[in-house]
């Protein structure tokens, strides 16, 4: 893991929003990309469930952000029914347009405009969770409660339980 002194516009926006929201955890830069929860968990030495994946879907055509535990897969049919629409995985163009960030580095914050957000309740089982910070080489520490507060997200199960 390295502390990268180079600035990146997406990461700068995430950090600015985190600071404005009172979040003090530092962004960590990795030498290599950590595009999956398994990669990030291995690099950090934490359980994969403590990784908060920021996934963009469309709900009846509108982008939504699902922050899910790395130990879960979003059941799009089931979750769509729970939140009232047809949920589909977004393509890279939609992800970039909604977040200003690339797949593999999408953060829960730092987007051009607010994105309706749902936060996997499984993340509440971890004292500390890690989320991408706007670039595939970055993460930051946070908590379930902080993610809900920062994003204005709705706590939601993402798969039948």
Protein backbone atom coordinates (compact mmCIF):
# COMPACT_ATOMS: atom_id res chain seq x y z
CA UNK A 1 0.00 0.00 0.00
CA UNK A 2 1.32 3.43 -0.82
CA UNK A 3 0.31 6.94 0.09
CA UNK A 4 0.14 8.44 -3.38
CA UNK A 5 0.93 12.14 -3.38
CA UNK A 6 -0.49 12.60 -6.86
CA UNK A 7 -3.89 14.23 -7.00
CA UNK A 8 -6.73 12.75 -8.98
CA UNK A 9 -9.86 14.85 -9.66
CA UNK A 10 -12.34 12.09 -8.69
CA UNK A 11 -10.47 11.34 -5.47
CA UNK A 12 -10.20 15.06 -4.68
CA UNK A 13 -14.00 15.40 -5.02
CA UNK A 14 -14.56 12.38 -2.75
CA UNK A 15 -12.14 13.71 -0.11
CA UNK A 16 -13.77 17.16 -0.21
CA UNK A 17 -17.21 15.63 0.33
CA UNK A 18 -15.92 13.36 3.11
CA UNK A 19 -14.32 16.32 4.92
CA UNK A 20 -17.46 18.43 4.47
CA UNK A 21 -19.40 15.54 6.04
CA UNK A 22 -17.06 15.32 9.02
CA UNK A 23 -15.33 12.10 7.96
CA UNK A 24 -11.73 12.00 9.11
CA UNK A 25 -10.43 8.69 7.72
CA UNK A 26 -7.59 9.01 5.25
CA UNK A 27 -7.77 7.70 1.71
CA UNK A 28 -5.35 4.84 1.12
CA UNK A 29 -3.70 4.42 -2.26
CA UNK A 30 -2.68 0.95 -3.40
CA UNK A 31 0.17 0.26 -5.81
CA UNK A 32 -2.18 -2.00 -7.78
CA UNK A 33 -5.88 -1.61 -8.56
CA UNK A 34 -8.35 -3.25 -6.19
CA UNK A 35 -11.36 -3.49 -8.53
CA UNK A 36 -13.18 -6.22 -6.59
CA UNK A 37 -14.14 -6.69 -2.96
CA UNK A 38 -11.87 -9.73 -2.76
CA UNK A 39 -8.87 -7.73 -4.00
CA UNK A 40 -9.55 -4.88 -1.59
CA UNK A 41 -10.12 -7.21 1.38
CA UNK A 42 -6.86 -9.04 0.68
CA UNK A 43 -4.90 -5.78 0.37
CA UNK A 44 -6.38 -4.47 3.63
CA UNK A 45 -6.28 -7.74 5.58
CA UNK A 46 -10.01 -7.62 6.37
CA UNK A 47 -13.02 -9.84 5.75
CA UNK A 48 -14.55 -9.44 2.29
CA UNK A 49 -17.88 -8.57 3.96
CA UNK A 50 -16.29 -5.39 5.36
CA UNK A 51 -15.84 -4.01 1.85
CA UNK A 52 -18.65 -1.68 0.76
CA UNK A 53 -19.04 -2.15 -2.99
CA UNK A 54 -20.49 0.92 -4.71
CA UNK A 55 -22.55 -0.49 -7.57
CA UNK A 56 -24.62 1.52 -10.01
CA UNK A 57 -27.82 0.00 -11.30
CA UNK A 58 -30.80 1.49 -13.07
CA UNK A 59 -34.21 1.38 -11.45
CA UNK A 60 -36.77 1.79 -14.19
CA UNK A 61 -34.06 3.55 -16.21
CA UNK A 62 -32.86 5.94 -13.47
CA UNK A 63 -29.41 5.41 -11.90
CA UNK A 64 -29.35 4.20 -8.30
CA UNK A 65 -26.39 3.37 -6.09
CA UNK A 66 -26.39 0.13 -4.14
CA UNK A 67 -23.73 -0.02 -1.42
CA UNK A 68 -23.42 -3.71 -0.77
CA UNK A 69 -21.25 -5.85 1.45
CA UNK A 70 -18.51 -7.58 -0.52
CA UNK A 71 -19.89 -10.85 0.83
CA UNK A 72 -23.21 -10.31 -1.00
CA UNK A 73 -24.45 -10.34 -4.54
CA UNK A 74 -27.32 -8.04 -5.36
CA UNK A 75 -30.39 -10.10 -6.27
CA UNK A 76 -31.73 -7.67 -8.88
CA UNK A 77 -35.13 -9.33 -9.27
CA UNK A 78 -35.78 -9.58 -5.55
CA UNK A 79 -34.34 -6.16 -4.67
CA UNK A 80 -36.20 -4.50 -7.53
CA UNK A 81 -39.46 -5.82 -6.09
CA UNK A 82 -38.48 -4.53 -2.62
CA UNK A 83 -37.71 -1.00 -3.81
CA UNK A 84 -40.51 -0.78 -6.36
CA UNK A 85 -39.19 -1.22 -9.88
CA UNK A 86 -37.11 -3.07 -12.41
CA UNK A 87 -33.46 -3.13 -11.35
CA UNK A 88 -30.73 -3.68 -13.96
CA UNK A 89 -26.94 -3.47 -13.84
CA UNK A 90 -25.78 -0.18 -15.40
CA UNK A 91 -23.28 -0.06 -18.24
CA UNK A 92 -19.94 1.77 -17.97
CA UNK A 93 -21.30 4.89 -19.70
CA UNK A 94 -24.19 5.17 -17.24
CA UNK A 95 -21.85 4.59 -14.27
CA UNK A 96 -19.50 7.35 -15.45
CA UNK A 97 -22.37 9.76 -16.17
CA UNK A 98 -24.01 9.18 -12.76
CA UNK A 99 -20.85 9.23 -10.64
CA UNK A 100 -18.05 10.89 -12.61
CA UNK A 101 -16.02 7.81 -11.66
CA UNK A 102 -15.00 4.56 -13.35
CA UNK A 103 -16.16 1.05 -12.53
CA UNK A 104 -13.82 -0.44 -9.93
CA UNK A 105 -13.32 2.89 -8.18
CA UNK A 106 -16.85 4.21 -7.65
CA UNK A 107 -17.15 5.89 -4.27
CA UNK A 108 -20.35 6.35 -2.26
CA UNK A 109 -19.92 10.15 -2.58
CA UNK A 110 -18.26 12.73 -4.82
CA UNK A 111 -20.76 12.44 -7.67
CA UNK A 112 -21.82 15.34 -9.93
CA UNK A 113 -25.34 15.16 -8.45
CA UNK A 114 -26.95 13.10 -5.68
CA UNK A 115 -27.75 9.51 -6.66
CA UNK A 116 -30.58 7.69 -4.89
CA UNK A 117 -28.75 5.24 -2.61
CA UNK A 118 -29.51 1.99 -0.81
CA UNK A 119 -27.07 0.70 1.84
CA UNK A 120 -26.84 -3.05 2.50
CA UNK A 121 -27.85 -3.68 6.12
CA UNK A 122 -25.20 -6.44 6.31
CA UNK A 123 -22.56 -3.69 6.50
CA UNK A 124 -23.93 -2.80 9.96
CA UNK A 125 -22.29 -6.00 11.24
CA UNK A 126 -18.81 -4.48 10.84
CA UNK A 127 -17.34 -1.80 13.10
CA UNK A 128 -15.27 -0.51 10.19
CA UNK A 129 -16.02 -0.86 6.50
CA UNK A 130 -13.95 0.21 3.50
CA UNK A 131 -15.25 1.88 0.36
CA UNK A 132 -13.62 3.00 -2.88
CA UNK A 133 -12.56 6.64 -2.98
CA UNK A 134 -13.14 7.53 -6.63
CA UNK A 135 -10.30 5.58 -8.27
CA UNK A 136 -9.56 1.80 -8.57
CA UNK A 137 -6.38 2.25 -6.47
CA UNK A 138 -8.09 3.95 -3.51
CA UNK A 139 -10.21 3.14 -0.46
CA UNK A 140 -11.25 4.92 2.74
CA UNK A 141 -12.48 3.67 6.13
CA UNK A 142 -15.99 4.43 7.29
CA UNK A 143 -18.93 2.78 9.04
CA UNK A 144 -22.45 1.68 8.13
CA UNK A 145 -24.00 4.60 10.02
CA UNK A 146 -21.63 7.06 8.38
CA UNK A 147 -22.43 5.68 4.90
CA UNK A 148 -26.15 6.07 5.53
CA UNK A 149 -25.66 9.61 6.82
CA UNK A 150 -23.26 10.75 4.08
CA UNK A 151 -25.28 9.36 1.19
CA UNK A 152 -28.77 9.93 2.57
CA UNK A 153 -29.12 6.24 1.78
CA UNK A 154 -31.90 3.87 2.74
CA UNK A 155 -30.79 0.84 4.81
CA UNK A 156 -31.90 -2.18 2.76
CA UNK A 157 -31.21 -5.90 2.51
CA UNK A 158 -29.86 -6.62 -0.99
CA UNK A 159 -30.69 -10.31 -1.11
CA UNK A 160 -33.42 -12.43 0.48
CA UNK A 161 -32.47 -13.43 3.93
